[in-house]
Amino acid sequence: MSHSITVLKSKLHNATVTHALKDYEGSVALSSELIKLGKFTMYEQVHLWNITQGTRLTTYIMEYEGDEKGIICVNGAAAHRANPGDRIILATFAEIASEDSWEPHIVIMNEDNTRKA
């Protein structure tokens, strides 16, 4: 009998927080190339797992307003749980039929938020 399961859709692993703004509407803002690299969608729910601090939170993705590359800016209340320099995992999920096969999109990151070779 078929049923839905939740699977890992995409993940940026071992990325680095570049900014944290507490006085801002909550979200995590990513530079456009990171949104593309992670195969994320604007306003998509994202889990932010902080490797450095051992915390986890859920927010949504926004595009960083600026031309800089490699930007991960944690905003609002979430900024209390992430500091610049913290290593993080950004993960999104999808629902699929239990009988469907699935392969997540996983990108391992360098310290400068580029894809590790």
C-alpha atoms as a PDB file:
ATOM      1  CA  MET A   1       0.000   0.000   0.000  1.00  0.00           C
ATOM      2  CA  SER A   2       1.375   3.390  -0.997  1.00  0.00           C
ATOM      3  CA  HIS A   3       1.835   6.203   1.455  1.00  0.00           C
ATOM      4  CA  SER A   4       3.873   9.411   1.588  1.00  0.00           C
ATOM      5  CA  ILE A   5       7.262   9.656   3.219  1.00  0.00           C
ATOM      6  CA  THR A   6       9.381  12.720   3.920  1.00  0.00           C
ATOM      7  CA  VAL A   7      12.864  12.570   2.414  1.00  0.00           C
ATOM      8  CA  LEU A   8      15.894  14.841   2.347  1.00  0.00           C
ATOM      9  CA  LYS A   9      15.530  16.991  -0.779  1.00  0.00           C
ATOM     10  CA  SER A  10      18.726  19.022  -0.685  1.00  0.00           C
ATOM     11  CA  LYS A  11      21.503  19.991   1.687  1.00  0.00           C
ATOM     12  CA  LEU A  12      24.425  22.388   1.950  1.00  0.00           C
ATOM     13  CA  HIS A  13      26.714  20.656   4.447  1.00  0.00           C
ATOM     14  CA  ASN A  14      29.400  22.406   6.511  1.00  0.00           C
ATOM     15  CA  ALA A  15      28.596  25.919   5.220  1.00  0.00           C
ATOM     16  CA  THR A  16      29.690  29.023   7.146  1.00  0.00           C
ATOM     17  CA  VAL A  17      27.406  31.745   8.524  1.00  0.00           C
ATOM     18  CA  THR A  18      28.649  35.108   7.245  1.00  0.00           C
ATOM     19  CA  HIS A  19      26.173  37.489   8.941  1.00  0.00           C
ATOM     20  CA  ALA A  20      23.605  37.463  11.765  1.00  0.00           C
ATOM     21  CA  LEU A  21      21.083  40.303  12.054  1.00  0.00           C
ATOM     22  CA  LYS A  22      18.821  40.192  15.119  1.00  0.00           C
ATOM     23  CA  ASP A  23      16.793  43.290  14.183  1.00  0.00           C
ATOM     24  CA  TYR A  24      15.376  41.864  10.971  1.00  0.00           C
ATOM     25  CA  GLU A  25      12.394  39.860   9.790  1.00  0.00           C
ATOM     26  CA  GLY A  26      13.133  36.195  10.484  1.00  0.00           C
ATOM     27  CA  SER A  27      14.646  34.000   7.784  1.00  0.00           C
ATOM     28  CA  VAL A  28      17.976  32.952   6.380  1.00  0.00           C
ATOM     29  CA  ALA A  29      19.114  35.042   3.420  1.00  0.00           C
ATOM     30  CA  LEU A  30      21.378  33.309   0.904  1.00  0.00           C
ATOM     31  CA  SER A  31      23.255  34.805  -2.011  1.00  0.00           C
ATOM     32  CA  SER A  32      21.719  33.764  -5.315  1.00  0.00           C
ATOM     33  CA  GLU A  33      24.479  31.300  -6.256  1.00  0.00           C
ATOM     34  CA  LEU A  34      23.953  29.404  -2.975  1.00  0.00           C
ATOM     35  CA  ILE A  35      20.209  29.172  -3.630  1.00  0.00           C
ATOM     36  CA  LYS A  36      21.009  27.652  -7.033  1.00  0.00           C
ATOM     37  CA  LEU A  37      23.789  25.433  -5.684  1.00  0.00           C
ATOM     38  CA  GLY A  38      21.484  23.987  -3.015  1.00  0.00           C
ATOM     39  CA  LYS A  39      18.561  23.680  -5.448  1.00  0.00           C
ATOM     40  CA  PHE A  40      16.495  25.671  -2.958  1.00  0.00           C
ATOM     41  CA  THR A  41      13.329  27.652  -3.693  1.00  0.00           C
ATOM     42  CA  MET A  42      12.549  31.132  -2.411  1.00  0.00           C
ATOM     43  CA  TYR A  43      10.498  31.004   0.814  1.00  0.00           C
ATOM     44  CA  GLU A  44      11.046  27.254   1.079  1.00  0.00           C
ATOM     45  CA  GLN A  45      11.152  25.908   4.615  1.00  0.00           C
ATOM     46  CA  VAL A  46      14.723  25.106   5.619  1.00  0.00           C
ATOM     47  CA  HIS A  47      16.246  23.427   8.637  1.00  0.00           C
ATOM     48  CA  LEU A  48      19.371  25.107   9.955  1.00  0.00           C
ATOM     49  CA  TRP A  49      21.510  22.776  12.041  1.00  0.00           C
ATOM     50  CA  ASN A  50      24.343  24.594  13.771  1.00  0.00           C
ATOM     51  CA  ILE A  51      27.367  22.276  13.937  1.00  0.00           C
ATOM     52  CA  THR A  52      29.329  24.777  16.057  1.00  0.00           C
ATOM     53  CA  GLN A  53      26.672  25.381  18.724  1.00  0.00           C
ATOM     54  CA  GLY A  54      24.721  22.134  18.516  1.00  0.00           C
ATOM     55  CA  THR A  55      21.384  23.897  17.945  1.00  0.00           C
ATOM     56  CA  ARG A  56      18.635  23.338  15.385  1.00  0.00           C
ATOM     57  CA  LEU A  57      15.950  25.622  14.044  1.00  0.00           C
ATOM     58  CA  THR A  58      13.482  25.890  11.199  1.00  0.00           C
ATOM     59  CA  THR A  59      13.006  29.019   9.093  1.00  0.00           C
ATOM     60  CA  TYR A  60      12.647  29.872   5.407  1.00  0.00           C
ATOM     61  CA  ILE A  61      14.928  30.911   2.564  1.00  0.00           C
ATOM     62  CA  MET A  62      15.151  34.432   1.177  1.00  0.00           C
ATOM     63  CA  GLU A  63      17.572  35.854  -1.367  1.00  0.00           C
ATOM     64  CA  TYR A  64      20.302  38.095   0.022  1.00  0.00           C
ATOM     65  CA  GLU A  65      19.993  41.617  -1.371  1.00  0.00           C
ATOM     66  CA  GLY A  66      23.453  42.356  -2.658  1.00  0.00           C
ATOM     67  CA  ASP A  67      25.996  41.204  -5.188  1.00  0.00           C
ATOM     68  CA  GLU A  68      28.341  39.450  -2.763  1.00  0.00           C
ATOM     69  CA  LYS A  69      28.832  35.711  -3.194  1.00  0.00           C
ATOM     70  CA  GLY A  70      28.836  33.077  -0.475  1.00  0.00           C
ATOM     71  CA  ILE A  71      26.516  34.986   1.857  1.00  0.00           C
ATOM     72  CA  ILE A  72      24.546  33.170   4.551  1.00  0.00           C
ATOM     73  CA  CYS A  73      22.795  35.750   6.725  1.00  0.00           C
ATOM     74  CA  VAL A  74      20.712  34.430   9.623  1.00  0.00           C
ATOM     75  CA  ASN A  75      18.002  36.930  10.587  1.00  0.00           C
ATOM     76  CA  GLY A  76      15.589  37.751  13.395  1.00  0.00           C
ATOM     77  CA  ALA A  77      15.152  35.386  16.342  1.00  0.00           C
ATOM     78  CA  ALA A  78      17.209  32.751  14.522  1.00  0.00           C
ATOM     79  CA  ALA A  79      20.223  35.102  14.746  1.00  0.00           C
ATOM     80  CA  HIS A  80      20.355  34.308  18.482  1.00  0.00           C
ATOM     81  CA  ARG A  81      21.319  30.753  17.493  1.00  0.00           C
ATOM     82  CA  ALA A  82      23.946  31.454  14.835  1.00  0.00           C
ATOM     83  CA  ASN A  83      26.992  33.688  14.751  1.00  0.00           C
ATOM     84  CA  PRO A  84      29.275  34.630  11.877  1.00  0.00           C
ATOM     85  CA  GLY A  85      31.845  31.866  11.533  1.00  0.00           C
ATOM     86  CA  ASP A  86      29.533  29.109  12.794  1.00  0.00           C
ATOM     87  CA  ARG A  87      29.542  25.969  10.664  1.00  0.00           C
ATOM     88  CA  ILE A  88      26.012  24.914   9.672  1.00  0.00           C
ATOM     89  CA  ILE A  89      23.948  22.501   7.622  1.00  0.00           C
ATOM     90  CA  LEU A  90      21.005  23.843   5.596  1.00  0.00           C
ATOM     91  CA  ALA A  91      18.540  21.080   4.705  1.00  0.00           C
ATOM     92  CA  THR A  92      15.207  20.967   2.882  1.00  0.00           C
ATOM     93  CA  PHE A  93      12.773  18.069   2.620  1.00  0.00           C
ATOM     94  CA  ALA A  94      10.129  16.791   0.205  1.00  0.00           C
ATOM     95  CA  GLU A  95       7.292  14.287   0.335  1.00  0.00           C
ATOM     96  CA  ILE A  96       7.283  11.395  -2.104  1.00  0.00           C
ATOM     97  CA  ALA A  97       5.318   8.204  -2.517  1.00  0.00           C
ATOM     98  CA  SER A  98       6.866   5.436  -0.421  1.00  0.00           C
ATOM     99  CA  GLU A  99       7.494   3.225  -3.444  1.00  0.00           C
ATOM    100  CA  ASP A 100       9.341   5.951  -5.405  1.00  0.00           C
ATOM    101  CA  SER A 101      13.130   5.944  -5.456  1.00  0.00           C
ATOM    102  CA  TRP A 102      14.884   9.132  -4.417  1.00  0.00           C
ATOM    103  CA  GLU A 103      18.394  10.576  -4.402  1.00  0.00           C
ATOM    104  CA  PRO A 104      18.949  13.780  -2.392  1.00  0.00           C
ATOM    105  CA  HIS A 105      21.052  16.683  -3.674  1.00  0.00           C
ATOM    106  CA  ILE A 106      23.964  17.049  -1.219  1.00  0.00           C
ATOM    107  CA  VAL A 107      26.736  19.630  -1.512  1.00  0.00           C
ATOM    108  CA  ILE A 108      29.743  19.626   0.819  1.00  0.00           C
ATOM    109  CA  MET A 109      31.019  23.170   1.322  1.00  0.00           C
ATOM    110  CA  ASN A 110      34.409  24.819   1.815  1.00  0.00           C
ATOM    111  CA  GLU A 111      34.960  27.456   4.519  1.00  0.00           C
ATOM    112  CA  ASP A 112      34.378  30.227   1.943  1.00  0.00           C
ATOM    113  CA  ASN A 113      30.936  28.798   1.028  1.00  0.00           C
ATOM    114  CA  THR A 114      32.043  27.338  -2.277  1.00  0.00           C
ATOM    115  CA  ARG A 115      31.476  23.737  -3.321  1.00  0.00           C
ATOM    116  CA  LYS A 116      34.184  21.391  -2.095  1.00  0.00           C
ATOM    117  CA  ALA A 117      35.879  19.648  -5.005  1.00  0.00           C
END
